[in-house]
Amino acid sequence: MIRVVLYTDEPMFAEGLTHVLSSGNAFQLCEVCGTIGGLSRGVAEARPEIVMLDWGPTVTLRDLLDIRSSAPWVRIVVWARSISTELAFQAIEHGIHGILDKCAPAHTLLKCLEIVSEGGLWFDETLKKKILDRPAVELTRRESQLVTLLCHGMSNKEIAGELRLSEGTIKVYLSRMFQKLGVKDRFELALYGLKNHVEKNGAAAFAHGRDKVRRPVQSDHGPWLRSLMVVPQTEHGAGSAS
């Protein structure tokens, strides 16, 4: 029997899943967790094959990646009413095994769990089409770091200090990224970065009045923005890197 752990803060979803899984002998709902911290503990204790995660405003992709990092054997299915194309793309990029529509009927839910338990992937056809129809550009680790810092509103001087590079080098990086991604300026690049990014609290600096809380740039062992999904531009050119 395949063991399943569910994260949800809505009891009716837990009751519904319990009822659906009890209709057969293939799956067992062995734990229901109401917090992300509780999910981490529940996965460590129950050691399930599958985690179903009820996607909501309190959950980030980083939370999923943390679970995947601490329990690499687990297959993760996101249970979502709606999910952005960018977020879905990043989920696939970082090894999430399925995204299931909350409105899907019981037989579809069971089919999803069956396919995922056998090593397959489950993504809605419409969602897959959206992802395939939109280009994704691979980023180097340095480019990923730069986008992260840019998303937090840092100036070229601040980015240079964080990455221990010269301001001139940062301008060169930005100009190359504008051309590579077909974006016009820093603002447009930051928007794409924010839509795609996997970090929960960010990896750079947060402004609080005149003070800034510094955090280290993404570690070599943590998740990072491997690719950036962008919308094709009918007219584009390199913007200002200053």
C-alpha atoms as a PDB file:
ATOM      1  CA  MET A   1       0.000   0.000   0.000  1.00  0.00           C
ATOM      2  CA  ILE A   2       1.302   3.444  -0.977  1.00  0.00           C
ATOM      3  CA  ARG A   3       1.549   5.788   2.006  1.00  0.00           C
ATOM      4  CA  VAL A   4       0.383   9.382   1.505  1.00  0.00           C
ATOM      5  CA  VAL A   5       0.911  12.433   3.716  1.00  0.00           C
ATOM      6  CA  LEU A   6      -1.345  15.463   3.129  1.00  0.00           C
ATOM      7  CA  TYR A   7      -0.714  19.087   3.975  1.00  0.00           C
ATOM      8  CA  THR A   8      -3.840  21.241   4.183  1.00  0.00           C
ATOM      9  CA  ASP A   9      -5.273  23.862   6.505  1.00  0.00           C
ATOM     10  CA  GLU A  10      -8.815  23.054   5.359  1.00  0.00           C
ATOM     11  CA  PRO A  11     -10.298  20.037   7.207  1.00  0.00           C
ATOM     12  CA  MET A  12     -12.877  19.327   4.497  1.00  0.00           C
ATOM     13  CA  PHE A  13     -10.118  18.553   1.996  1.00  0.00           C
ATOM     14  CA  ALA A  14      -8.593  16.090   4.447  1.00  0.00           C
ATOM     15  CA  GLU A  15     -11.984  14.422   4.932  1.00  0.00           C
ATOM     16  CA  GLY A  16     -12.554  14.297   1.199  1.00  0.00           C
ATOM     17  CA  LEU A  17      -9.176  12.744   0.463  1.00  0.00           C
ATOM     18  CA  THR A  18      -9.627  10.234   3.295  1.00  0.00           C
ATOM     19  CA  HIS A  19     -12.938   9.172   1.765  1.00  0.00           C
ATOM     20  CA  VAL A  20     -11.519   8.874  -1.753  1.00  0.00           C
ATOM     21  CA  LEU A  21      -8.479   6.850  -0.698  1.00  0.00           C
ATOM     22  CA  SER A  22     -10.543   4.554   1.525  1.00  0.00           C
ATOM     23  CA  SER A  23     -12.490   3.414  -1.546  1.00  0.00           C
ATOM     24  CA  GLY A  24      -9.562   1.251  -2.673  1.00  0.00           C
ATOM     25  CA  ASN A  25      -6.602  -0.707  -1.358  1.00  0.00           C
ATOM     26  CA  ALA A  26      -3.794   1.062  -3.207  1.00  0.00           C
ATOM     27  CA  PHE A  27      -3.274   4.156  -1.033  1.00  0.00           C
ATOM     28  CA  GLN A  28      -3.312   4.968   2.664  1.00  0.00           C
ATOM     29  CA  LEU A  29      -3.577   8.498   4.071  1.00  0.00           C
ATOM     30  CA  CYS A  30      -1.242   8.058   7.006  1.00  0.00           C
ATOM     31  CA  GLU A  31      -0.912  11.670   8.177  1.00  0.00           C
ATOM     32  CA  VAL A  32      -2.629  15.039   7.792  1.00  0.00           C
ATOM     33  CA  CYS A  33      -0.527  18.123   8.606  1.00  0.00           C
ATOM     34  CA  GLY A  34      -1.932  21.599   9.129  1.00  0.00           C
ATOM     35  CA  THR A  35       1.347  23.544   9.030  1.00  0.00           C
ATOM     36  CA  ILE A  36       4.471  23.432   6.878  1.00  0.00           C
ATOM     37  CA  GLY A  37       6.570  22.754   9.978  1.00  0.00           C
ATOM     38  CA  GLY A  38       4.227  19.924  10.873  1.00  0.00           C
ATOM     39  CA  LEU A  39       4.545  18.572   7.335  1.00  0.00           C
ATOM     40  CA  SER A  40       8.325  18.368   7.680  1.00  0.00           C
ATOM     41  CA  ARG A  41       7.967  16.418  10.921  1.00  0.00           C
ATOM     42  CA  GLY A  42       5.176  14.252   9.519  1.00  0.00           C
ATOM     43  CA  VAL A  43       7.204  13.278   6.472  1.00  0.00           C
ATOM     44  CA  ALA A  44      10.252  12.455   8.607  1.00  0.00           C
ATOM     45  CA  GLU A  45       8.175  10.255  10.926  1.00  0.00           C
ATOM     46  CA  ALA A  46       5.763   8.584   8.479  1.00  0.00           C
ATOM     47  CA  ARG A  47       8.235   8.270   5.571  1.00  0.00           C
ATOM     48  CA  PRO A  48       5.495   8.278   2.914  1.00  0.00           C
ATOM     49  CA  GLU A  49       5.965   7.622  -0.780  1.00  0.00           C
ATOM     50  CA  ILE A  50       3.802  10.610  -1.773  1.00  0.00           C
ATOM     51  CA  VAL A  51       3.150  14.059  -0.309  1.00  0.00           C
ATOM     52  CA  MET A  52       0.025  15.901  -1.431  1.00  0.00           C
ATOM     53  CA  LEU A  53       0.307  19.600  -0.775  1.00  0.00           C
ATOM     54  CA  ASP A  54      -2.792  21.801  -0.743  1.00  0.00           C
ATOM     55  CA  TRP A  55      -1.482  24.934  -2.452  1.00  0.00           C
ATOM     56  CA  GLY A  56      -2.464  28.221  -0.822  1.00  0.00           C
ATOM     57  CA  PRO A  57      -1.185  31.724  -0.072  1.00  0.00           C
ATOM     58  CA  THR A  58       0.852  30.528   2.924  1.00  0.00           C
ATOM     59  CA  VAL A  59       2.848  28.039   0.829  1.00  0.00           C
ATOM     60  CA  THR A  60       5.748  28.780  -1.499  1.00  0.00           C
ATOM     61  CA  LEU A  61       7.685  26.707  -3.966  1.00  0.00           C
ATOM     62  CA  ARG A  62      10.617  27.031  -1.591  1.00  0.00           C
ATOM     63  CA  ASP A  63       8.589  25.094   1.015  1.00  0.00           C
ATOM     64  CA  LEU A  64       8.163  22.243  -1.468  1.00  0.00           C
ATOM     65  CA  LEU A  65      11.841  22.253  -2.311  1.00  0.00           C
ATOM     66  CA  ASP A  66      12.744  22.145   1.369  1.00  0.00           C
ATOM     67  CA  ILE A  67      10.585  19.027   1.773  1.00  0.00           C
ATOM     68  CA  ARG A  68      12.131  17.493  -1.313  1.00  0.00           C
ATOM     69  CA  SER A  69      15.619  18.270  -0.031  1.00  0.00           C
ATOM     70  CA  SER A  70      15.005  16.767   3.413  1.00  0.00           C
ATOM     71  CA  ALA A  71      13.104  13.760   2.019  1.00  0.00           C
ATOM     72  CA  PRO A  72      14.467  13.059  -1.478  1.00  0.00           C
ATOM     73  CA  TRP A  73      12.579   9.764  -1.772  1.00  0.00           C
ATOM     74  CA  VAL A  74       9.195  11.536  -1.571  1.00  0.00           C
ATOM     75  CA  ARG A  75       7.153  12.293  -4.675  1.00  0.00           C
ATOM     76  CA  ILE A  76       5.347  15.620  -4.356  1.00  0.00           C
ATOM     77  CA  VAL A  77       1.962  16.424  -5.884  1.00  0.00           C
ATOM     78  CA  VAL A  78       0.709  20.004  -5.656  1.00  0.00           C
ATOM     79  CA  TRP A  79      -3.066  20.182  -5.202  1.00  0.00           C
ATOM     80  CA  ALA A  80      -4.052  23.607  -6.523  1.00  0.00           C
ATOM     81  CA  ARG A  81      -7.158  25.512  -7.551  1.00  0.00           C
ATOM     82  CA  SER A  82      -4.986  27.766  -9.690  1.00  0.00           C
ATOM     83  CA  ILE A  83      -1.252  28.095 -10.248  1.00  0.00           C
ATOM     84  CA  SER A  84       0.706  30.485 -12.440  1.00  0.00           C
ATOM     85  CA  THR A  85       2.468  29.167 -15.523  1.00  0.00           C
ATOM     86  CA  GLU A  86       5.784  30.503 -14.199  1.00  0.00           C
ATOM     87  CA  LEU A  87       5.370  28.744 -10.866  1.00  0.00           C
ATOM     88  CA  ALA A  88       4.363  25.499 -12.570  1.00  0.00           C
ATOM     89  CA  PHE A  89       7.427  25.732 -14.801  1.00  0.00           C
ATOM     90  CA  GLN A  90       9.732  26.233 -11.827  1.00  0.00           C
ATOM     91  CA  ALA A  91       8.047  23.335 -10.019  1.00  0.00           C
ATOM     92  CA  ILE A  92       8.784  21.048 -12.967  1.00  0.00           C
ATOM     93  CA  GLU A  93      12.340  22.426 -13.226  1.00  0.00           C
ATOM     94  CA  HIS A  94      12.981  21.516  -9.580  1.00  0.00           C
ATOM     95  CA  GLY A  95      11.522  18.029  -9.662  1.00  0.00           C
ATOM     96  CA  ILE A  96       7.937  18.327  -8.440  1.00  0.00           C
ATOM     97  CA  HIS A  97       6.108  15.235  -9.667  1.00  0.00           C
ATOM     98  CA  GLY A  98       2.593  16.491 -10.283  1.00  0.00           C
ATOM     99  CA  ILE A  99       0.154  19.396 -10.260  1.00  0.00           C
ATOM    100  CA  LEU A 100      -3.469  18.371  -9.762  1.00  0.00           C
ATOM    101  CA  ASP A 101      -6.501  20.636 -10.161  1.00  0.00           C
ATOM    102  CA  LYS A 102      -8.590  20.757  -6.975  1.00  0.00           C
ATOM    103  CA  CYS A 103     -11.697  20.584  -9.139  1.00  0.00           C
ATOM    104  CA  ALA A 104     -10.639  17.235 -10.645  1.00  0.00           C
ATOM    105  CA  PRO A 105     -12.978  14.297  -9.960  1.00  0.00           C
ATOM    106  CA  ALA A 106     -12.034  11.468  -7.608  1.00  0.00           C
ATOM    107  CA  HIS A 107     -11.061   9.054 -10.391  1.00  0.00           C
ATOM    108  CA  THR A 108      -8.626  11.648 -11.810  1.00  0.00           C
ATOM    109  CA  LEU A 109      -7.077  12.144  -8.370  1.00  0.00           C
ATOM    110  CA  LEU A 110      -6.548   8.405  -8.006  1.00  0.00           C
ATOM    111  CA  LYS A 111      -5.099   8.173 -11.526  1.00  0.00           C
ATOM    112  CA  CYS A 112      -2.680  10.996 -10.708  1.00  0.00           C
ATOM    113  CA  LEU A 113      -1.494   9.256  -7.531  1.00  0.00           C
ATOM    114  CA  GLU A 114      -1.166   5.966  -9.398  1.00  0.00           C
ATOM    115  CA  ILE A 115       0.991   7.455 -12.156  1.00  0.00           C
ATOM    116  CA  VAL A 116       3.157   9.417  -9.705  1.00  0.00           C
ATOM    117  CA  SER A 117       3.646   6.357  -7.470  1.00  0.00           C
ATOM    118  CA  GLU A 118       4.899   4.431 -10.497  1.00  0.00           C
ATOM    119  CA  GLY A 119       7.507   7.087 -11.251  1.00  0.00           C
ATOM    120  CA  GLY A 120       5.539   9.130 -13.758  1.00  0.00           C
ATOM    121  CA  LEU A 121       4.599  12.807 -13.874  1.00  0.00           C
ATOM    122  CA  TRP A 122       1.119  14.344 -13.817  1.00  0.00           C
ATOM    123  CA  PHE A 123       0.398  17.786 -15.225  1.00  0.00           C
ATOM    124  CA  ASP A 124      -2.799  19.144 -16.708  1.00  0.00           C
ATOM    125  CA  GLU A 125      -2.724  19.199 -20.519  1.00  0.00           C
ATOM    126  CA  THR A 126      -3.659  22.885 -20.649  1.00  0.00           C
ATOM    127  CA  LEU A 127      -0.874  23.746 -18.237  1.00  0.00           C
ATOM    128  CA  LYS A 128       1.649  21.695 -20.207  1.00  0.00           C
ATOM    129  CA  LYS A 129       0.644  23.480 -23.404  1.00  0.00           C
ATOM    130  CA  LYS A 130       1.088  26.898 -21.795  1.00  0.00           C
ATOM    131  CA  ILE A 131       4.572  25.922 -20.633  1.00  0.00           C
ATOM    132  CA  LEU A 132       5.573  24.466 -24.000  1.00  0.00           C
ATOM    133  CA  ASP A 133       4.248  27.552 -25.822  1.00  0.00           C
ATOM    134  CA  ARG A 134       6.373  29.957 -23.788  1.00  0.00           C
ATOM    135  CA  PRO A 135      10.156  30.110 -24.110  1.00  0.00           C
ATOM    136  CA  ALA A 136      12.452  29.455 -21.198  1.00  0.00           C
ATOM    137  CA  VAL A 137      16.018  30.736 -21.238  1.00  0.00           C
ATOM    138  CA  GLU A 138      18.694  28.948 -19.236  1.00  0.00           C
ATOM    139  CA  LEU A 139      20.571  31.052 -16.689  1.00  0.00           C
ATOM    140  CA  THR A 140      24.048  30.639 -15.296  1.00  0.00           C
ATOM    141  CA  ARG A 141      24.350  30.641 -11.504  1.00  0.00           C
ATOM    142  CA  ARG A 142      25.789  34.174 -11.616  1.00  0.00           C
ATOM    143  CA  GLU A 143      22.870  35.377 -13.754  1.00  0.00           C
ATOM    144  CA  SER A 144      20.461  33.745 -11.320  1.00  0.00           C
ATOM    145  CA  GLN A 145      22.117  35.537  -8.400  1.00  0.00           C
ATOM    146  CA  LEU A 146      21.929  38.845 -10.240  1.00  0.00           C
ATOM    147  CA  VAL A 147      18.209  38.410 -10.977  1.00  0.00           C
ATOM    148  CA  THR A 148      17.589  37.530  -7.319  1.00  0.00           C
ATOM    149  CA  LEU A 149      19.265  40.699  -6.092  1.00  0.00           C
ATOM    150  CA  LEU A 150      17.580  42.811  -8.747  1.00  0.00           C
ATOM    151  CA  CYS A 151      14.185  41.478  -7.635  1.00  0.00           C
ATOM    152  CA  HIS A 152      14.829  42.944  -4.195  1.00  0.00           C
ATOM    153  CA  GLY A 153      15.341  46.426  -5.600  1.00  0.00           C
ATOM    154  CA  MET A 154      19.098  46.606  -5.173  1.00  0.00           C
ATOM    155  CA  SER A 155      21.092  49.155  -7.129  1.00  0.00           C
ATOM    156  CA  ASN A 156      24.069  48.240  -9.311  1.00  0.00           C
ATOM    157  CA  LYS A 157      26.383  49.404  -6.535  1.00  0.00           C
ATOM    158  CA  GLU A 158      24.634  47.226  -3.944  1.00  0.00           C
ATOM    159  CA  ILE A 159      24.610  44.220  -6.291  1.00  0.00           C
ATOM    160  CA  ALA A 160      28.296  44.727  -7.017  1.00  0.00           C
ATOM    161  CA  GLY A 161      29.033  44.786  -3.290  1.00  0.00           C
ATOM    162  CA  GLU A 162      26.965  41.667  -2.633  1.00  0.00           C
ATOM    163  CA  LEU A 163      28.597  39.709  -5.472  1.00  0.00           C
ATOM    164  CA  ARG A 164      32.050  41.271  -4.925  1.00  0.00           C
ATOM    165  CA  LEU A 165      32.254  42.530  -8.487  1.00  0.00           C
ATOM    166  CA  SER A 166      32.734  45.992  -9.975  1.00  0.00           C
ATOM    167  CA  GLU A 167      29.773  48.147 -11.002  1.00  0.00           C
ATOM    168  CA  GLY A 168      31.075  48.034 -14.561  1.00  0.00           C
ATOM    169  CA  THR A 169      30.930  44.242 -14.541  1.00  0.00           C
ATOM    170  CA  ILE A 170      27.349  44.335 -13.244  1.00  0.00           C
ATOM    171  CA  LYS A 171      26.374  46.689 -16.093  1.00  0.00           C
ATOM    172  CA  VAL A 172      27.928  44.307 -18.610  1.00  0.00           C
ATOM    173  CA  TYR A 173      26.018  41.367 -17.085  1.00  0.00           C
ATOM    174  CA  LEU A 174      22.752  43.295 -17.221  1.00  0.00           C
ATOM    175  CA  SER A 175      23.240  44.401 -20.830  1.00  0.00           C
ATOM    176  CA  ARG A 176      23.957  40.810 -21.874  1.00  0.00           C
ATOM    177  CA  MET A 177      20.876  39.574 -20.005  1.00  0.00           C
ATOM    178  CA  PHE A 178      18.650  42.191 -21.648  1.00  0.00           C
ATOM    179  CA  GLN A 179      19.783  40.885 -25.051  1.00  0.00           C
ATOM    180  CA  LYS A 180      19.643  37.229 -24.020  1.00  0.00           C
ATOM    181  CA  LEU A 181      16.105  37.471 -22.620  1.00  0.00           C
ATOM    182  CA  GLY A 182      14.736  40.096 -24.982  1.00  0.00           C
ATOM    183  CA  VAL A 183      13.745  42.445 -22.167  1.00  0.00           C
ATOM    184  CA  LYS A 184      13.828  46.229 -22.319  1.00  0.00           C
ATOM    185  CA  ASP A 185      15.144  47.252 -18.926  1.00  0.00           C
ATOM    186  CA  ARG A 186      15.823  46.398 -15.275  1.00  0.00           C
ATOM    187  CA  PHE A 187      12.146  46.728 -14.379  1.00  0.00           C
ATOM    188  CA  GLU A 188      11.015  44.162 -16.950  1.00  0.00           C
ATOM    189  CA  LEU A 189      13.801  41.776 -15.941  1.00  0.00           C
ATOM    190  CA  ALA A 190      12.818  42.114 -12.282  1.00  0.00           C
ATOM    191  CA  LEU A 191       9.166  41.393 -13.123  1.00  0.00           C
ATOM    192  CA  TYR A 192      10.084  38.144 -14.855  1.00  0.00           C
ATOM    193  CA  GLY A 193      12.359  37.273 -11.959  1.00  0.00           C
ATOM    194  CA  LEU A 194       9.589  37.848  -9.408  1.00  0.00           C
ATOM    195  CA  LYS A 195       7.160  35.696 -11.383  1.00  0.00           C
ATOM    196  CA  ASN A 196       9.642  32.853 -11.671  1.00  0.00           C
ATOM    197  CA  HIS A 197      11.548  32.992  -8.428  1.00  0.00           C
ATOM    198  CA  VAL A 198      11.650  30.078  -5.965  1.00  0.00           C
ATOM    199  CA  GLU A 199      12.967  31.821  -2.868  1.00  0.00           C
ATOM    200  CA  LYS A 200      10.650  32.297   0.109  1.00  0.00           C
ATOM    201  CA  ASN A 201      12.409  35.134   1.895  1.00  0.00           C
ATOM    202  CA  GLY A 202      14.855  36.095  -0.809  1.00  0.00           C
ATOM    203  CA  ALA A 203      18.588  35.839  -0.826  1.00  0.00           C
ATOM    204  CA  ALA A 204      19.645  39.426  -0.789  1.00  0.00           C
ATOM    205  CA  ALA A 205      18.554  42.516   1.090  1.00  0.00           C
ATOM    206  CA  PHE A 206      15.242  43.829   2.331  1.00  0.00           C
ATOM    207  CA  ALA A 207      14.774  47.546   2.885  1.00  0.00           C
ATOM    208  CA  HIS A 208      13.364  48.637   6.249  1.00  0.00           C
ATOM    209  CA  GLY A 209      13.560  52.419   6.260  1.00  0.00           C
ATOM    210  CA  ARG A 210      17.253  53.195   6.110  1.00  0.00           C
ATOM    211  CA  ASP A 211      18.313  49.782   7.371  1.00  0.00           C
ATOM    212  CA  LYS A 212      18.857  46.647   5.368  1.00  0.00           C
ATOM    213  CA  VAL A 213      18.791  43.077   6.594  1.00  0.00           C
ATOM    214  CA  ARG A 214      21.505  41.174   4.794  1.00  0.00           C
ATOM    215  CA  ARG A 215      21.219  37.548   3.884  1.00  0.00           C
ATOM    216  CA  PRO A 216      23.776  35.517   1.972  1.00  0.00           C
ATOM    217  CA  VAL A 217      23.402  35.079  -1.755  1.00  0.00           C
ATOM    218  CA  GLN A 218      21.962  31.709  -2.797  1.00  0.00           C
ATOM    219  CA  SER A 219      24.173  28.879  -1.604  1.00  0.00           C
ATOM    220  CA  ASP A 220      25.705  26.357  -3.951  1.00  0.00           C
ATOM    221  CA  HIS A 221      23.569  23.665  -2.363  1.00  0.00           C
ATOM    222  CA  GLY A 222      20.205  25.417  -2.293  1.00  0.00           C
ATOM    223  CA  PRO A 223      17.610  25.825  -5.060  1.00  0.00           C
ATOM    224  CA  TRP A 224      18.283  28.490  -7.654  1.00  0.00           C
ATOM    225  CA  LEU A 225      16.619  29.927 -10.736  1.00  0.00           C
ATOM    226  CA  ARG A 226      17.982  27.627 -13.432  1.00  0.00           C
ATOM    227  CA  SER A 227      15.801  29.037 -16.211  1.00  0.00           C
ATOM    228  CA  LEU A 228      13.646  32.094 -16.684  1.00  0.00           C
ATOM    229  CA  MET A 229      10.327  31.819 -18.478  1.00  0.00           C
ATOM    230  CA  VAL A 230       9.656  34.914 -20.558  1.00  0.00           C
ATOM    231  CA  VAL A 231       6.895  36.193 -22.812  1.00  0.00           C
ATOM    232  CA  PRO A 232       7.968  36.804 -26.416  1.00  0.00           C
ATOM    233  CA  GLN A 233       8.283  40.501 -27.223  1.00  0.00           C
ATOM    234  CA  THR A 234       7.112  41.775 -30.597  1.00  0.00           C
ATOM    235  CA  GLU A 235       9.571  44.596 -30.320  1.00  0.00           C
ATOM    236  CA  HIS A 236      12.517  44.529 -27.965  1.00  0.00           C
ATOM    237  CA  GLY A 237      16.023  45.676 -27.561  1.00  0.00           C
ATOM    238  CA  ALA A 238      18.668  46.079 -24.947  1.00  0.00           C
ATOM    239  CA  GLY A 239      17.642  48.523 -22.265  1.00  0.00           C
ATOM    240  CA  SER A 240      19.670  50.665 -19.953  1.00  0.00           C
ATOM    241  CA  ALA A 241      21.868  48.755 -17.526  1.00  0.00           C
ATOM    242  CA  SER A 242      22.439  51.763 -15.344  1.00  0.00           C
END
